[in-house]
Amino acid sequence: MAFLFPKHPLQSPVIDADGAWVFFGGAFRTYAINNGDDGSFTSRQIFAHSNPHTGAGRGSTATPPYHWHLYQTETFHVNSGVLCYILDGKTGKLQAGESVTIPPEHWHTFWSDPASGVDLDVNITVRGGPNPGFDETFVRNFYGYLSSCTMQNIAPNPIQMLTFMYSADVILEMPLNLGRFANYAMGNWLGWFGGFKSQYPEFSPK
């Protein structure tokens, strides 16, 4: 059955001395921020403005697909640069020092404003939910896999991507609102049957 679910070698991201996980050949850097025991998780993310993987607006490789979170509330706080976003179909921008909070079940995506001419540095904090959801394991595996495919000129496997989404309680926009069904049918059941995982040793701390 391997021919139905092709796999390819995974490339581990570089981990810099300052703790940054580096993806897409240096275009995208993430840091796990320690929030203590308050039950939240923060990912600091830096998007290079001069790279097509992170600086090409909504069409950038690293731009998240339009989605919502099943349980978690998500807050974006811009440290520097300009963040563009779509929230429930409405566009907006955040400058340095500004924030937006997105409750569960609200459609959204975001990207670095290419017109700003500077890198975007943003803290993304999530809270709530019975599962880890969007956490550092998801960040490292989702972007690790996407970066690995991109740098090898390989198209990401949609079943693998849905396996990541299912594990993080993230629902993608799909025709006829089939995102949640696709998560379960393809990300959970078909992903398990095809041998896809939600985390890989190549994307885990050594």
Foldseek 3Di string as FASTA:
>chain_A
DCVVPPDDDFAFFDQDPVGWGAFQVRQKTWHWDDPDPPAKTKIKMKGFCPDQQANPFCPHVPWDAWWFAAWKKKKKAWQAAKKWKAKQRDIDMDHHGDMDIGGTPIIMIMGGHSVRVGMTIMMMMIHGDPAPAPHPQLVLALRSQSRRCVVVVHDDDPLLNLLLCLNRRMFHDDPPSCRVVCSCPRNPPVCVVNVHHNGDPSRDDD
